[in-house]
C-alpha atoms as a PDB file:
ATOM      1  CA  UNK A   1      -4.704   7.001 -13.631  1.00  0.00           C
ATOM      2  CA  UNK A   2      -2.105   5.834 -11.067  1.00  0.00           C
ATOM      3  CA  UNK A   3      -3.290   3.588  -8.247  1.00  0.00           C
ATOM      4  CA  UNK A   4      -4.403   5.275  -5.053  1.00  0.00           C
ATOM      5  CA  UNK A   5      -1.928   4.792  -2.203  1.00  0.00           C
ATOM      6  CA  UNK A   6      -2.852   3.388   1.216  1.00  0.00           C
ATOM      7  CA  UNK A   7      -2.758   6.239   3.738  1.00  0.00           C
ATOM      8  CA  UNK A   8      -2.134   3.794   6.600  1.00  0.00           C
ATOM      9  CA  UNK A   9       0.932   2.311   4.938  1.00  0.00           C
ATOM     10  CA  UNK A  10       2.054   5.836   4.000  1.00  0.00           C
ATOM     11  CA  UNK A  11       1.899   6.809   7.691  1.00  0.00           C
ATOM     12  CA  UNK A  12       4.107   3.773   8.409  1.00  0.00           C
ATOM     13  CA  UNK A  13       6.642   4.979   5.827  1.00  0.00           C
ATOM     14  CA  UNK A  14       5.745   2.324   3.250  1.00  0.00           C
ATOM     15  CA  UNK A  15       4.194   2.450  -0.190  1.00  0.00           C
ATOM     16  CA  UNK A  16       1.255   0.175  -0.947  1.00  0.00           C
ATOM     17  CA  UNK A  17      -1.650   0.537  -3.340  1.00  0.00           C
ATOM     18  CA  UNK A  18      -5.035   1.009  -1.718  1.00  0.00           C
ATOM     19  CA  UNK A  19      -7.152  -2.099  -2.247  1.00  0.00           C
ATOM     20  CA  UNK A  20     -10.874  -2.724  -2.166  1.00  0.00           C
ATOM     21  CA  UNK A  21      -9.953  -6.061  -0.552  1.00  0.00           C
ATOM     22  CA  UNK A  22      -8.696  -4.192   2.545  1.00  0.00           C
ATOM     23  CA  UNK A  23     -10.878  -4.731   5.644  1.00  0.00           C
ATOM     24  CA  UNK A  24     -10.979  -0.949   6.143  1.00  0.00           C
ATOM     25  CA  UNK A  25     -12.422  -0.392   2.650  1.00  0.00           C
ATOM     26  CA  UNK A  26     -16.099   0.471   2.580  1.00  0.00           C
ATOM     27  CA  UNK A  27     -17.686  -0.345  -0.761  1.00  0.00           C
ATOM     28  CA  UNK A  28     -20.250   2.405  -0.569  1.00  0.00           C
ATOM     29  CA  UNK A  29     -23.722   2.471  -2.000  1.00  0.00           C
ATOM     30  CA  UNK A  30     -26.423   4.813  -3.175  1.00  0.00           C
ATOM     31  CA  UNK A  31     -25.498   7.662  -0.826  1.00  0.00           C
ATOM     32  CA  UNK A  32     -21.802   7.238  -0.080  1.00  0.00           C
ATOM     33  CA  UNK A  33     -19.052   6.427  -2.565  1.00  0.00           C
ATOM     34  CA  UNK A  34     -16.579   3.659  -1.779  1.00  0.00           C
ATOM     35  CA  UNK A  35     -13.584   4.670   0.294  1.00  0.00           C
ATOM     36  CA  UNK A  36     -11.258   4.018   3.189  1.00  0.00           C
ATOM     37  CA  UNK A  37     -12.928   4.004   6.611  1.00  0.00           C
ATOM     38  CA  UNK A  38      -9.735   5.349   8.190  1.00  0.00           C
ATOM     39  CA  UNK A  39      -9.641   8.299   5.808  1.00  0.00           C
ATOM     40  CA  UNK A  40     -13.309   9.018   6.536  1.00  0.00           C
ATOM     41  CA  UNK A  41     -12.477   9.180  10.238  1.00  0.00           C
ATOM     42  CA  UNK A  42      -9.871  11.830   9.409  1.00  0.00           C
ATOM     43  CA  UNK A  43      -7.444  10.396  11.949  1.00  0.00           C
ATOM     44  CA  UNK A  44      -4.145  12.261  12.109  1.00  0.00           C
ATOM     45  CA  UNK A  45      -1.654   9.405  11.804  1.00  0.00           C
ATOM     46  CA  UNK A  46       1.507  11.454  11.232  1.00  0.00           C
ATOM     47  CA  UNK A  47       4.002  10.868  14.011  1.00  0.00           C
ATOM     48  CA  UNK A  48       1.710   8.366  15.754  1.00  0.00           C
ATOM     49  CA  UNK A  49       3.674   5.195  15.074  1.00  0.00           C
ATOM     50  CA  UNK A  50       2.068   3.192  17.904  1.00  0.00           C
ATOM     51  CA  UNK A  51      -1.425   3.912  16.571  1.00  0.00           C
ATOM     52  CA  UNK A  52      -0.341   3.141  13.001  1.00  0.00           C
ATOM     53  CA  UNK A  53       1.165  -0.202  14.023  1.00  0.00           C
ATOM     54  CA  UNK A  54      -1.940  -1.083  16.067  1.00  0.00           C
ATOM     55  CA  UNK A  55      -4.174  -0.311  13.076  1.00  0.00           C
ATOM     56  CA  UNK A  56      -1.936  -2.371  10.777  1.00  0.00           C
ATOM     57  CA  UNK A  57      -2.188  -5.326  13.184  1.00  0.00           C
ATOM     58  CA  UNK A  58      -5.970  -4.979  13.316  1.00  0.00           C
ATOM     59  CA  UNK A  59      -6.117  -4.782   9.518  1.00  0.00           C
ATOM     60  CA  UNK A  60      -4.029  -7.939   9.311  1.00  0.00           C
ATOM     61  CA  UNK A  61      -6.278  -9.775  11.790  1.00  0.00           C
ATOM     62  CA  UNK A  62      -9.415  -8.690   9.971  1.00  0.00           C
ATOM     63  CA  UNK A  63      -7.923  -9.758   6.656  1.00  0.00           C
ATOM     64  CA  UNK A  64      -7.244 -13.276   7.852  1.00  0.00           C
ATOM     65  CA  UNK A  65     -10.016 -13.760  10.409  1.00  0.00           C
ATOM     66  CA  UNK A  66     -11.247 -17.315   9.766  1.00  0.00           C
ATOM     67  CA  UNK A  67     -14.238 -17.025  12.055  1.00  0.00           C
ATOM     68  CA  UNK A  68     -16.911 -14.511  12.927  1.00  0.00           C
ATOM     69  CA  UNK A  69     -15.675 -14.497  16.535  1.00  0.00           C
ATOM     70  CA  UNK A  70     -12.130 -13.481  15.573  1.00  0.00           C
ATOM     71  CA  UNK A  71     -13.447 -10.852  13.183  1.00  0.00           C
ATOM     72  CA  UNK A  72     -15.636  -9.398  15.932  1.00  0.00           C
ATOM     73  CA  UNK A  73     -12.651  -9.322  18.317  1.00  0.00           C
ATOM     74  CA  UNK A  74     -10.554  -7.468  15.727  1.00  0.00           C
ATOM     75  CA  UNK A  75     -13.367  -4.986  15.028  1.00  0.00           C
ATOM     76  CA  UNK A  76     -13.732  -4.430  18.774  1.00  0.00           C
ATOM     77  CA  UNK A  77     -10.020  -3.541  18.984  1.00  0.00           C
ATOM     78  CA  UNK A  78     -10.489  -1.087  16.121  1.00  0.00           C
ATOM     79  CA  UNK A  79     -13.452   0.595  17.794  1.00  0.00           C
ATOM     80  CA  UNK A  80     -11.474   1.050  21.003  1.00  0.00           C
ATOM     81  CA  UNK A  81      -8.984   3.152  19.022  1.00  0.00           C
ATOM     82  CA  UNK A  82     -11.638   5.317  17.376  1.00  0.00           C
ATOM     83  CA  UNK A  83     -12.525   8.559  19.138  1.00  0.00           C
ATOM     84  CA  UNK A  84     -15.987   8.282  20.796  1.00  0.00           C
ATOM     85  CA  UNK A  85     -17.443  11.070  18.658  1.00  0.00           C
ATOM     86  CA  UNK A  86     -16.645   9.076  15.509  1.00  0.00           C
ATOM     87  CA  UNK A  87     -17.795   5.599  16.518  1.00  0.00           C
ATOM     88  CA  UNK A  88     -20.851   5.736  14.265  1.00  0.00           C
ATOM     89  CA  UNK A  89     -18.657   5.229  11.180  1.00  0.00           C
END
């Protein structure tokens, strides 16, 4: 089975395998299977280059956040971009 491609990178015009190490990956549990939080939000990223680049920057910050404070700041930026009706994700 070929690797799953990252929908965020695809929206940016790049090809990258989806990784469970990605900060947007949710590992899942008894009720919900593992998957990409961005895909679960069903955000339409096509033609929205500013949003895509902002999400890529947030993903980068979350991936290298050395402290809880920086991680919380990056997550706060992410939640500001999420539509209010979907903030429970």
